[in-house]
Amino acid sequence: KTKAGQRDLPLIGLAREVLHAIAGEAPAPGAFSDGLVFMSQGGH
């Protein structure tokens, strides 16, 4: 929404764990595209 909303936050432990669980093993740089992290079962 705003310029102030553009922010960088540390990837703390609990967040890292759940995102790793979605992504599988730690991805290599560039392994993912601009796709959304949270998708429906149909891929939308």
ModelCIF file with pLDDT and N, C-alpha, C, O atoms, coordinates in Angstrom:
data_MODEL
#
_entry.id   MODEL 
#
_entity.id                         1 
_entity.type                       polymer 
_entity.pdbx_number_of_molecules   1 
#
_entity_poly.entity_id                      1 
_entity_poly.type                           'polypeptide(L)' 
_entity_poly.nstd_linkage                   no 
_entity_poly.nstd_monomer                   no 
_entity_poly.pdbx_seq_one_letter_code       KTKAGQRDLPLIGLAREVLHAIAGEAPAPGAFSDGLVFMSQGGH 
_entity_poly.pdbx_seq_one_letter_code_can   KTKAGQRDLPLIGLAREVLHAIAGEAPAPGAFSDGLVFMSQGGH 
_entity_poly.pdbx_strand_id                 A 
#
loop_
_entity_poly_seq.entity_id 
_entity_poly_seq.num 
_entity_poly_seq.mon_id 
_entity_poly_seq.hetero 
1 1  LYS n 
1 2  THR n 
1 3  LYS n 
1 4  ALA n 
1 5  GLY n 
1 6  GLN n 
1 7  ARG n 
1 8  ASP n 
1 9  LEU n 
1 10 PRO n 
1 11 LEU n 
1 12 ILE n 
1 13 GLY n 
1 14 LEU n 
1 15 ALA n 
1 16 ARG n 
1 17 GLU n 
1 18 VAL n 
1 19 LEU n 
1 20 HIS n 
1 21 ALA n 
1 22 ILE n 
1 23 ALA n 
1 24 GLY n 
1 25 GLU n 
1 26 ALA n 
1 27 PRO n 
1 28 ALA n 
1 29 PRO n 
1 30 GLY n 
1 31 ALA n 
1 32 PHE n 
1 33 SER n 
1 34 ASP n 
1 35 GLY n 
1 36 LEU n 
1 37 VAL n 
1 38 PHE n 
1 39 MET n 
1 40 SER n 
1 41 GLN n 
1 42 GLY n 
1 43 GLY n 
1 44 HIS n 
#
_struct_asym.id          A 
_struct_asym.entity_id   1 
#
loop_
_ma_qa_metric.id 
_ma_qa_metric.mode 
_ma_qa_metric.name 
_ma_qa_metric.software_group_id 
_ma_qa_metric.type 
1 global pLDDT . pLDDT 
2 local  pLDDT . pLDDT 
#
_ma_qa_metric_global.metric_id      1 
_ma_qa_metric_global.metric_value   78.48 
_ma_qa_metric_global.model_id       1 
_ma_qa_metric_global.ordinal_id     1 
#
loop_
_ma_qa_metric_local.label_asym_id 
_ma_qa_metric_local.label_comp_id 
_ma_qa_metric_local.label_seq_id 
_ma_qa_metric_local.metric_id 
_ma_qa_metric_local.metric_value 
_ma_qa_metric_local.model_id 
_ma_qa_metric_local.ordinal_id 
A LYS 1  2 81.00 1 1  
A THR 2  2 86.00 1 2  
A LYS 3  2 89.00 1 3  
A ALA 4  2 90.00 1 4  
A GLY 5  2 89.00 1 5  
A GLN 6  2 91.00 1 6  
A ARG 7  2 93.00 1 7  
A ASP 8  2 93.00 1 8  
A LEU 9  2 93.00 1 9  
A PRO 10 2 92.00 1 10 
A LEU 11 2 93.00 1 11 
A ILE 12 2 91.00 1 12 
A GLY 13 2 90.00 1 13 
A LEU 14 2 93.00 1 14 
A ALA 15 2 92.00 1 15 
A ARG 16 2 92.00 1 16 
A GLU 17 2 92.00 1 17 
A VAL 18 2 93.00 1 18 
A LEU 19 2 93.00 1 19 
A HIS 20 2 89.00 1 20 
A ALA 21 2 89.00 1 21 
A ILE 22 2 88.00 1 22 
A ALA 23 2 82.00 1 23 
A GLY 24 2 73.00 1 24 
A GLU 25 2 44.00 1 25 
A ALA 26 2 42.00 1 26 
A PRO 27 2 45.00 1 27 
A ALA 28 2 44.00 1 28 
A PRO 29 2 44.00 1 29 
A GLY 30 2 44.00 1 30 
A ALA 31 2 42.00 1 31 
A PHE 32 2 44.00 1 32 
A SER 33 2 46.00 1 33 
A ASP 34 2 55.00 1 34 
A GLY 35 2 85.00 1 35 
A LEU 36 2 90.00 1 36 
A VAL 37 2 92.00 1 37 
A PHE 38 2 91.00 1 38 
A MET 39 2 88.00 1 39 
A SER 40 2 85.00 1 40 
A GLN 41 2 81.00 1 41 
A GLY 42 2 80.00 1 42 
A GLY 43 2 80.00 1 43 
A HIS 44 2 84.00 1 44 
#
loop_
_atom_site.group_PDB 
_atom_site.id 
_atom_site.type_symbol 
_atom_site.label_atom_id 
_atom_site.label_alt_id 
_atom_site.label_comp_id 
_atom_site.label_asym_id 
_atom_site.label_entity_id 
_atom_site.label_seq_id 
_atom_site.pdbx_PDB_ins_code 
_atom_site.Cartn_x 
_atom_site.Cartn_y 
_atom_site.Cartn_z 
_atom_site.occupancy 
_atom_site.B_iso_or_equiv 
_atom_site.pdbx_formal_charge 
_atom_site.auth_seq_id 
_atom_site.auth_comp_id 
_atom_site.auth_asym_id 
_atom_site.auth_atom_id 
_atom_site.pdbx_PDB_model_num 
ATOM 1   N N  . LYS A 1 1  ? 0.801  -1.219  0.000  1.00 81.00 ? 1  LYS A N  1 
ATOM 2   C CA . LYS A 1 1  ? 0.000  0.000   0.000  1.00 81.00 ? 1  LYS A CA 1 
ATOM 3   C C  . LYS A 1 1  ? 0.836  1.271   0.000  1.00 81.00 ? 1  LYS A C  1 
ATOM 4   O O  . LYS A 1 1  ? 0.535  2.198   -0.752 1.00 81.00 ? 1  LYS A O  1 
ATOM 5   N N  . THR A 1 2  ? 1.882  1.340   0.827  1.00 86.00 ? 2  THR A N  1 
ATOM 6   C CA . THR A 1 2  ? 2.660  2.562   0.971  1.00 86.00 ? 2  THR A CA 1 
ATOM 7   C C  . THR A 1 2  ? 4.146  2.252   0.883  1.00 86.00 ? 2  THR A C  1 
ATOM 8   O O  . THR A 1 2  ? 4.552  1.090   0.924  1.00 86.00 ? 2  THR A O  1 
ATOM 9   N N  . LYS A 1 3  ? 4.951  3.294   0.763  1.00 89.00 ? 3  LYS A N  1 
ATOM 10  C CA . LYS A 1 3  ? 6.401  3.130   0.744  1.00 89.00 ? 3  LYS A CA 1 
ATOM 11  C C  . LYS A 1 3  ? 6.890  2.583   2.071  1.00 89.00 ? 3  LYS A C  1 
ATOM 12  O O  . LYS A 1 3  ? 7.818  1.774   2.109  1.00 89.00 ? 3  LYS A O  1 
ATOM 13  N N  . ALA A 1 4  ? 6.265  3.025   3.174  1.00 90.00 ? 4  ALA A N  1 
ATOM 14  C CA . ALA A 1 4  ? 6.653  2.511   4.493  1.00 90.00 ? 4  ALA A CA 1 
ATOM 15  C C  . ALA A 1 4  ? 6.349  1.028   4.615  1.00 90.00 ? 4  ALA A C  1 
ATOM 16  O O  . ALA A 1 4  ? 6.998  0.322   5.387  1.00 90.00 ? 4  ALA A O  1 
ATOM 17  N N  . GLY A 1 5  ? 5.362  0.546   3.855  1.00 89.00 ? 5  GLY A N  1 
ATOM 18  C CA . GLY A 1 5  ? 5.029  -0.868  3.893  1.00 89.00 ? 5  GLY A CA 1 
ATOM 19  C C  . GLY A 1 5  ? 6.081  -1.738  3.231  1.00 89.00 ? 5  GLY A C  1 
ATOM 20  O O  . GLY A 1 5  ? 6.124  -2.945  3.471  1.00 89.00 ? 5  GLY A O  1 
ATOM 21  N N  . GLN A 1 6  ? 6.931  -1.145  2.399  1.00 91.00 ? 6  GLN A N  1 
ATOM 22  C CA . GLN A 1 6  ? 8.030  -1.890  1.789  1.00 91.00 ? 6  GLN A CA 1 
ATOM 23  C C  . GLN A 1 6  ? 9.151  -2.012  2.821  1.00 91.00 ? 6  GLN A C  1 
ATOM 24  O O  . GLN A 1 6  ? 9.899  -1.061  3.048  1.00 91.00 ? 6  GLN A O  1 
ATOM 25  N N  . ARG A 1 7  ? 9.262  -3.173  3.436  1.00 93.00 ? 7  ARG A N  1 
ATOM 26  C CA . ARG A 1 7  ? 10.202 -3.340  4.532  1.00 93.00 ? 7  ARG A CA 1 
ATOM 27  C C  . ARG A 1 7  ? 10.861 -4.701  4.476  1.00 93.00 ? 7  ARG A C  1 
ATOM 28  O O  . ARG A 1 7  ? 10.334 -5.639  3.878  1.00 93.00 ? 7  ARG A O  1 
ATOM 29  N N  . ASP A 1 8  ? 12.011 -4.797  5.102  1.00 93.00 ? 8  ASP A N  1 
ATOM 30  C CA . ASP A 1 8  ? 12.767 -6.041  5.188  1.00 93.00 ? 8  ASP A CA 1 
ATOM 31  C C  . ASP A 1 8  ? 12.756 -6.499  6.637  1.00 93.00 ? 8  ASP A C  1 
ATOM 32  O O  . ASP A 1 8  ? 13.066 -5.730  7.547  1.00 93.00 ? 8  ASP A O  1 
ATOM 33  N N  . LEU A 1 9  ? 12.395 -7.760  6.839  1.00 93.00 ? 9  LEU A N  1 
ATOM 34  C CA . LEU A 1 9  ? 12.278 -8.309  8.184  1.00 93.00 ? 9  LEU A CA 1 
ATOM 35  C C  . LEU A 1 9  ? 13.179 -9.530  8.318  1.00 93.00 ? 9  LEU A C  1 
ATOM 36  O O  . LEU A 1 9  ? 13.376 -10.258 7.345  1.00 93.00 ? 9  LEU A O  1 
ATOM 37  N N  . PRO A 1 10 ? 13.725 -9.764  9.497  1.00 92.00 ? 10 PRO A N  1 
ATOM 38  C CA . PRO A 1 10 ? 14.582 -10.946 9.684  1.00 92.00 ? 10 PRO A CA 1 
ATOM 39  C C  . PRO A 1 10 ? 13.769 -12.229 9.626  1.00 92.00 ? 10 PRO A C  1 
ATOM 40  O O  . PRO A 1 10 ? 12.637 -12.290 10.108 1.00 92.00 ? 10 PRO A O  1 
ATOM 41  N N  . LEU A 1 11 ? 14.364 -13.245 9.031  1.00 93.00 ? 11 LEU A N  1 
ATOM 42  C CA . LEU A 1 11 ? 13.718 -14.550 8.938  1.00 93.00 ? 11 LEU A CA 1 
ATOM 43  C C  . LEU A 1 11 ? 14.039 -15.319 10.219 1.00 93.00 ? 11 LEU A C  1 
ATOM 44  O O  . LEU A 1 11 ? 15.042 -16.029 10.294 1.00 93.00 ? 11 LEU A O  1 
ATOM 45  N N  . ILE A 1 12 ? 13.173 -15.169 11.225 1.00 91.00 ? 12 ILE A N  1 
ATOM 46  C CA . ILE A 1 12 ? 13.426 -15.791 12.524 1.00 91.00 ? 12 ILE A CA 1 
ATOM 47  C C  . ILE A 1 12 ? 13.133 -17.283 12.474 1.00 91.00 ? 12 ILE A C  1 
ATOM 48  O O  . ILE A 1 12 ? 12.536 -17.777 11.518 1.00 91.00 ? 12 ILE A O  1 
ATOM 49  N N  . GLY A 1 13 ? 13.556 -17.993 13.507 1.00 90.00 ? 13 GLY A N  1 
ATOM 50  C CA . GLY A 1 13 ? 13.565 -19.449 13.508 1.00 90.00 ? 13 GLY A CA 1 
ATOM 51  C C  . GLY A 1 13 ? 12.251 -20.112 13.152 1.00 90.00 ? 13 GLY A C  1 
ATOM 52  O O  . GLY A 1 13 ? 12.210 -20.949 12.250 1.00 90.00 ? 13 GLY A O  1 
ATOM 53  N N  . LEU A 1 14 ? 11.172 -19.756 13.842 1.00 93.00 ? 14 LEU A N  1 
ATOM 54  C CA . LEU A 1 14 ? 9.887  -20.401 13.577 1.00 93.00 ? 14 LEU A CA 1 
ATOM 55  C C  . LEU A 1 14 ? 9.425  -20.168 12.140 1.00 93.00 ? 14 LEU A C  1 
ATOM 56  O O  . LEU A 1 14 ? 8.893  -21.073 11.496 1.00 93.00 ? 14 LEU A O  1 
ATOM 57  N N  . ALA A 1 15 ? 9.632  -18.945 11.645 1.00 92.00 ? 15 ALA A N  1 
ATOM 58  C CA . ALA A 1 15 ? 9.233  -18.649 10.270 1.00 92.00 ? 15 ALA A CA 1 
ATOM 59  C C  . ALA A 1 15 ? 10.082 -19.436 9.281  1.00 92.00 ? 15 ALA A C  1 
ATOM 60  O O  . ALA A 1 15 ? 9.563  -19.943 8.286  1.00 92.00 ? 15 ALA A O  1 
ATOM 61  N N  . ARG A 1 16 ? 11.376 -19.543 9.540  1.00 92.00 ? 16 ARG A N  1 
ATOM 62  C CA . ARG A 1 16 ? 12.259 -20.306 8.657  1.00 92.00 ? 16 ARG A CA 1 
ATOM 63  C C  . ARG A 1 16 ? 11.828 -21.774 8.582  1.00 92.00 ? 16 ARG A C  1 
ATOM 64  O O  . ARG A 1 16 ? 11.835 -22.377 7.509  1.00 92.00 ? 16 ARG A O  1 
ATOM 65  N N  . GLU A 1 17 ? 11.453 -22.339 9.734  1.00 92.00 ? 17 GLU A N  1 
ATOM 66  C CA . GLU A 1 17 ? 11.063 -23.752 9.779  1.00 92.00 ? 17 GLU A CA 1 
ATOM 67  C C  . GLU A 1 17 ? 9.832  -24.024 8.924  1.00 92.00 ? 17 GLU A C  1 
ATOM 68  O O  . GLU A 1 17 ? 9.813  -24.970 8.138  1.00 92.00 ? 17 GLU A O  1 
ATOM 69  N N  . VAL A 1 18 ? 8.800  -23.187 9.081  1.00 93.00 ? 18 VAL A N  1 
ATOM 70  C CA . VAL A 1 18 ? 7.563  -23.464 8.342  1.00 93.00 ? 18 VAL A CA 1 
ATOM 71  C C  . VAL A 1 18 ? 7.750  -23.206 6.849  1.00 93.00 ? 18 VAL A C  1 
ATOM 72  O O  . VAL A 1 18 ? 7.169  -23.913 6.026  1.00 93.00 ? 18 VAL A O  1 
ATOM 73  N N  . LEU A 1 19 ? 8.559  -22.198 6.486  1.00 93.00 ? 19 LEU A N  1 
ATOM 74  C CA . LEU A 1 19 ? 8.790  -21.939 5.067  1.00 93.00 ? 19 LEU A CA 1 
ATOM 75  C C  . LEU A 1 19 ? 9.646  -23.035 4.448  1.00 93.00 ? 19 LEU A C  1 
ATOM 76  O O  . LEU A 1 19 ? 9.437  -23.402 3.292  1.00 93.00 ? 19 LEU A O  1 
ATOM 77  N N  . HIS A 1 20 ? 10.619 -23.567 5.213  1.00 89.00 ? 20 HIS A N  1 
ATOM 78  C CA . HIS A 1 20 ? 11.403 -24.701 4.724  1.00 89.00 ? 20 HIS A CA 1 
ATOM 79  C C  . HIS A 1 20 ? 10.514 -25.918 4.515  1.00 89.00 ? 20 HIS A C  1 
ATOM 80  O O  . HIS A 1 20 ? 10.701 -26.688 3.573  1.00 89.00 ? 20 HIS A O  1 
ATOM 81  N N  . ALA A 1 21 ? 9.540  -26.079 5.414  1.00 89.00 ? 21 ALA A N  1 
ATOM 82  C CA . ALA A 1 21 ? 8.643  -27.224 5.288  1.00 89.00 ? 21 ALA A CA 1 
ATOM 83  C C  . ALA A 1 21 ? 7.823  -27.143 4.007  1.00 89.00 ? 21 ALA A C  1 
ATOM 84  O O  . ALA A 1 21 ? 7.521  -28.167 3.394  1.00 89.00 ? 21 ALA A O  1 
ATOM 85  N N  . ILE A 1 22 ? 7.459  -25.915 3.597  1.00 88.00 ? 22 ILE A N  1 
ATOM 86  C CA . ILE A 1 22 ? 6.710  -25.738 2.350  1.00 88.00 ? 22 ILE A CA 1 
ATOM 87  C C  . ILE A 1 22 ? 7.626  -25.954 1.156  1.00 88.00 ? 22 ILE A C  1 
ATOM 88  O O  . ILE A 1 22 ? 7.245  -26.606 0.183  1.00 88.00 ? 22 ILE A O  1 
ATOM 89  N N  . ALA A 1 23 ? 8.824  -25.410 1.232  1.00 82.00 ? 23 ALA A N  1 
ATOM 90  C CA . ALA A 1 23 ? 9.738  -25.439 0.091  1.00 82.00 ? 23 ALA A CA 1 
ATOM 91  C C  . ALA A 1 23 ? 10.508 -26.740 -0.017 1.00 82.00 ? 23 ALA A C  1 
ATOM 92  O O  . ALA A 1 23 ? 11.156 -26.995 -1.032 1.00 82.00 ? 23 ALA A O  1 
ATOM 93  N N  . GLY A 1 24 ? 10.444 -27.569 1.017  1.00 73.00 ? 24 GLY A N  1 
ATOM 94  C CA . GLY A 1 24 ? 11.261 -28.764 1.018  1.00 73.00 ? 24 GLY A CA 1 
ATOM 95  C C  . GLY A 1 24 ? 12.642 -28.421 1.514  1.00 73.00 ? 24 GLY A C  1 
ATOM 96  O O  . GLY A 1 24 ? 12.768 -27.691 2.497  1.00 73.00 ? 24 GLY A O  1 
ATOM 97  N N  . GLU A 1 25 ? 13.662 -28.906 0.890  1.00 44.00 ? 25 GLU A N  1 
ATOM 98  C CA . GLU A 1 25 ? 15.027 -28.578 1.283  1.00 44.00 ? 25 GLU A CA 1 
ATOM 99  C C  . GLU A 1 25 ? 15.322 -27.129 0.918  1.00 44.00 ? 25 GLU A C  1 
ATOM 100 O O  . GLU A 1 25 ? 14.659 -26.540 0.064  1.00 44.00 ? 25 GLU A O  1 
ATOM 101 N N  . ALA A 1 26 ? 16.323 -26.569 1.577  1.00 42.00 ? 26 ALA A N  1 
ATOM 102 C CA . ALA A 1 26 ? 16.693 -25.174 1.325  1.00 42.00 ? 26 ALA A CA 1 
ATOM 103 C C  . ALA A 1 26 ? 16.966 -24.971 -0.156 1.00 42.00 ? 26 ALA A C  1 
ATOM 104 O O  . ALA A 1 26 ? 17.835 -25.645 -0.710 1.00 42.00 ? 26 ALA A O  1 
ATOM 105 N N  . PRO A 1 27 ? 16.264 -24.078 -0.807 1.00 45.00 ? 27 PRO A N  1 
ATOM 106 C CA . PRO A 1 27 ? 16.406 -23.919 -2.257 1.00 45.00 ? 27 PRO A CA 1 
ATOM 107 C C  . PRO A 1 27 ? 17.697 -23.218 -2.636 1.00 45.00 ? 27 PRO A C  1 
ATOM 108 O O  . PRO A 1 27 ? 18.228 -22.398 -1.887 1.00 45.00 ? 27 PRO A O  1 
ATOM 109 N N  . ALA A 1 28 ? 18.171 -23.553 -3.779 1.00 44.00 ? 28 ALA A N  1 
ATOM 110 C CA . ALA A 1 28 ? 19.329 -22.849 -4.317 1.00 44.00 ? 28 ALA A CA 1 
ATOM 111 C C  . ALA A 1 28 ? 18.874 -21.501 -4.852 1.00 44.00 ? 28 ALA A C  1 
ATOM 112 O O  . ALA A 1 28 ? 17.704 -21.329 -5.191 1.00 44.00 ? 28 ALA A O  1 
ATOM 113 N N  . PRO A 1 29 ? 19.794 -20.544 -4.928 1.00 44.00 ? 29 PRO A N  1 
ATOM 114 C CA . PRO A 1 29 ? 19.410 -19.218 -5.441 1.00 44.00 ? 29 PRO A CA 1 
ATOM 115 C C  . PRO A 1 29 ? 18.780 -19.333 -6.827 1.00 44.00 ? 29 PRO A C  1 
ATOM 116 O O  . PRO A 1 29 ? 19.316 -19.997 -7.714 1.00 44.00 ? 29 PRO A O  1 
ATOM 117 N N  . GLY A 1 30 ? 17.677 -18.699 -6.991 1.00 44.00 ? 30 GLY A N  1 
ATOM 118 C CA . GLY A 1 30 ? 16.988 -18.696 -8.276 1.00 44.00 ? 30 GLY A CA 1 
ATOM 119 C C  . GLY A 1 30 ? 16.151 -19.919 -8.539 1.00 44.00 ? 30 GLY A C  1 
ATOM 120 O O  . GLY A 1 30 ? 15.619 -20.092 -9.636 1.00 44.00 ? 30 GLY A O  1 
ATOM 121 N N  . ALA A 1 31 ? 16.026 -20.787 -7.520 1.00 42.00 ? 31 ALA A N  1 
ATOM 122 C CA . ALA A 1 31 ? 15.260 -22.012 -7.747 1.00 42.00 ? 31 ALA A CA 1 
ATOM 123 C C  . ALA A 1 31 ? 13.776 -21.732 -7.876 1.00 42.00 ? 31 ALA A C  1 
ATOM 124 O O  . ALA A 1 31 ? 13.054 -22.471 -8.546 1.00 42.00 ? 31 ALA A O  1 
ATOM 125 N N  . PHE A 1 32 ? 13.311 -20.645 -7.222 1.00 44.00 ? 32 PHE A N  1 
ATOM 126 C CA . PHE A 1 32 ? 11.891 -20.313 -7.274 1.00 44.00 ? 32 PHE A CA 1 
ATOM 127 C C  . PHE A 1 32 ? 11.683 -19.082 -8.137 1.00 44.00 ? 32 PHE A C  1 
ATOM 128 O O  . PHE A 1 32 ? 12.544 -18.205 -8.214 1.00 44.00 ? 32 PHE A O  1 
ATOM 129 N N  . SER A 1 33 ? 10.542 -19.030 -8.777 1.00 46.00 ? 33 SER A N  1 
ATOM 130 C CA . SER A 1 33 ? 10.184 -17.872 -9.585 1.00 46.00 ? 33 SER A CA 1 
ATOM 131 C C  . SER A 1 33 ? 9.456  -16.868 -8.711 1.00 46.00 ? 33 SER A C  1 
ATOM 132 O O  . SER A 1 33 ? 9.560  -16.897 -7.484 1.00 46.00 ? 33 SER A O  1 
ATOM 133 N N  . ASP A 1 34 ? 8.723  -15.986 -9.355 1.00 55.00 ? 34 ASP A N  1 
ATOM 134 C CA . ASP A 1 34 ? 7.945  -15.008 -8.608 1.00 55.00 ? 34 ASP A CA 1 
ATOM 135 C C  . ASP A 1 34 ? 6.629  -15.591 -8.116 1.00 55.00 ? 34 ASP A C  1 
ATOM 136 O O  . ASP A 1 34 ? 5.730  -14.837 -7.744 1.00 55.00 ? 34 ASP A O  1 
ATOM 137 N N  . GLY A 1 35 ? 6.494  -16.904 -8.104 1.00 85.00 ? 35 GLY A N  1 
ATOM 138 C CA . GLY A 1 35 ? 5.272  -17.537 -7.659 1.00 85.00 ? 35 GLY A CA 1 
ATOM 139 C C  . GLY A 1 35 ? 4.999  -17.266 -6.196 1.00 85.00 ? 35 GLY A C  1 
ATOM 140 O O  . GLY A 1 35 ? 5.920  -17.005 -5.423 1.00 85.00 ? 35 GLY A O  1 
ATOM 141 N N  . LEU A 1 36 ? 3.720  -17.328 -5.811 1.00 90.00 ? 36 LEU A N  1 
ATOM 142 C CA . LEU A 1 36 ? 3.318  -17.061 -4.439 1.00 90.00 ? 36 LEU A CA 1 
ATOM 143 C C  . LEU A 1 36 ? 3.688  -18.230 -3.539 1.00 90.00 ? 36 LEU A C  1 
ATOM 144 O O  . LEU A 1 36 ? 3.704  -19.383 -3.969 1.00 90.00 ? 36 LEU A O  1 
ATOM 145 N N  . VAL A 1 37 ? 3.983  -17.917 -2.290 1.00 92.00 ? 37 VAL A N  1 
ATOM 146 C CA . VAL A 1 37 ? 4.319  -18.944 -1.314 1.00 92.00 ? 37 VAL A CA 1 
ATOM 147 C C  . VAL A 1 37 ? 3.079  -19.758 -0.955 1.00 92.00 ? 37 VAL A C  1 
ATOM 148 O O  . VAL A 1 37 ? 3.130  -20.985 -0.877 1.00 92.00 ? 37 VAL A O  1 
ATOM 149 N N  . PHE A 1 38 ? 1.963  -19.057 -0.737 1.00 91.00 ? 38 PHE A N  1 
ATOM 150 C CA . PHE A 1 38 ? 0.737  -19.733 -0.310 1.00 91.00 ? 38 PHE A CA 1 
ATOM 151 C C  . PHE A 1 38 ? -0.229 -19.812 -1.491 1.00 91.00 ? 38 PHE A C  1 
ATOM 152 O O  . PHE A 1 38 ? -0.726 -18.802 -1.989 1.00 91.00 ? 38 PHE A O  1 
ATOM 153 N N  . MET A 1 39 ? -0.470 -21.034 -1.913 1.00 88.00 ? 39 MET A N  1 
ATOM 154 C CA . MET A 1 39 ? -1.327 -21.279 -3.065 1.00 88.00 ? 39 MET A CA 1 
ATOM 155 C C  . MET A 1 39 ? -2.435 -22.254 -2.676 1.00 88.00 ? 39 MET A C  1 
ATOM 156 O O  . MET A 1 39 ? -2.316 -22.997 -1.702 1.00 88.00 ? 39 MET A O  1 
ATOM 157 N N  . SER A 1 40 ? -3.493 -22.235 -3.443 1.00 85.00 ? 40 SER A N  1 
ATOM 158 C CA . SER A 1 40 ? -4.573 -23.196 -3.235 1.00 85.00 ? 40 SER A CA 1 
ATOM 159 C C  . SER A 1 40 ? -4.149 -24.563 -3.773 1.00 85.00 ? 40 SER A C  1 
ATOM 160 O O  . SER A 1 40 ? -3.124 -24.679 -4.445 1.00 85.00 ? 40 SER A O  1 
ATOM 161 N N  . GLN A 1 41 ? -4.927 -25.579 -3.481 1.00 81.00 ? 41 GLN A N  1 
ATOM 162 C CA . GLN A 1 41 ? -4.600 -26.913 -3.963 1.00 81.00 ? 41 GLN A CA 1 
ATOM 163 C C  . GLN A 1 41 ? -4.617 -26.993 -5.478 1.00 81.00 ? 41 GLN A C  1 
ATOM 164 O O  . GLN A 1 41 ? -3.962 -27.847 -6.076 1.00 81.00 ? 41 GLN A O  1 
ATOM 165 N N  . GLY A 1 42 ? -5.372 -26.094 -6.090 1.00 80.00 ? 42 GLY A N  1 
ATOM 166 C CA . GLY A 1 42 ? -5.410 -26.067 -7.548 1.00 80.00 ? 42 GLY A CA 1 
ATOM 167 C C  . GLY A 1 42 ? -4.301 -25.254 -8.160 1.00 80.00 ? 42 GLY A C  1 
ATOM 168 O O  . GLY A 1 42 ? -4.238 -25.113 -9.381 1.00 80.00 ? 42 GLY A O  1 
ATOM 169 N N  . GLY A 1 43 ? -3.405 -24.706 -7.322 1.00 80.00 ? 43 GLY A N  1 
ATOM 170 C CA . GLY A 1 43 ? -2.291 -23.925 -7.833 1.00 80.00 ? 43 GLY A CA 1 
ATOM 171 C C  . GLY A 1 43 ? -2.629 -22.484 -8.121 1.00 80.00 ? 43 GLY A C  1 
ATOM 172 O O  . GLY A 1 43 ? -1.933 -21.819 -8.889 1.00 80.00 ? 43 GLY A O  1 
ATOM 173 N N  . HIS A 1 44 ? -3.693 -21.993 -7.511 1.00 84.00 ? 44 HIS A N  1 
ATOM 174 C CA . HIS A 1 44 ? -4.097 -20.604 -7.719 1.00 84.00 ? 44 HIS A CA 1 
ATOM 175 C C  . HIS A 1 44 ? -3.861 -19.788 -6.449 1.00 84.00 ? 44 HIS A C  1 
ATOM 176 O O  . HIS A 1 44 ? -4.140 -18.589 -6.424 1.00 84.00 ? 44 HIS A O  1 
#
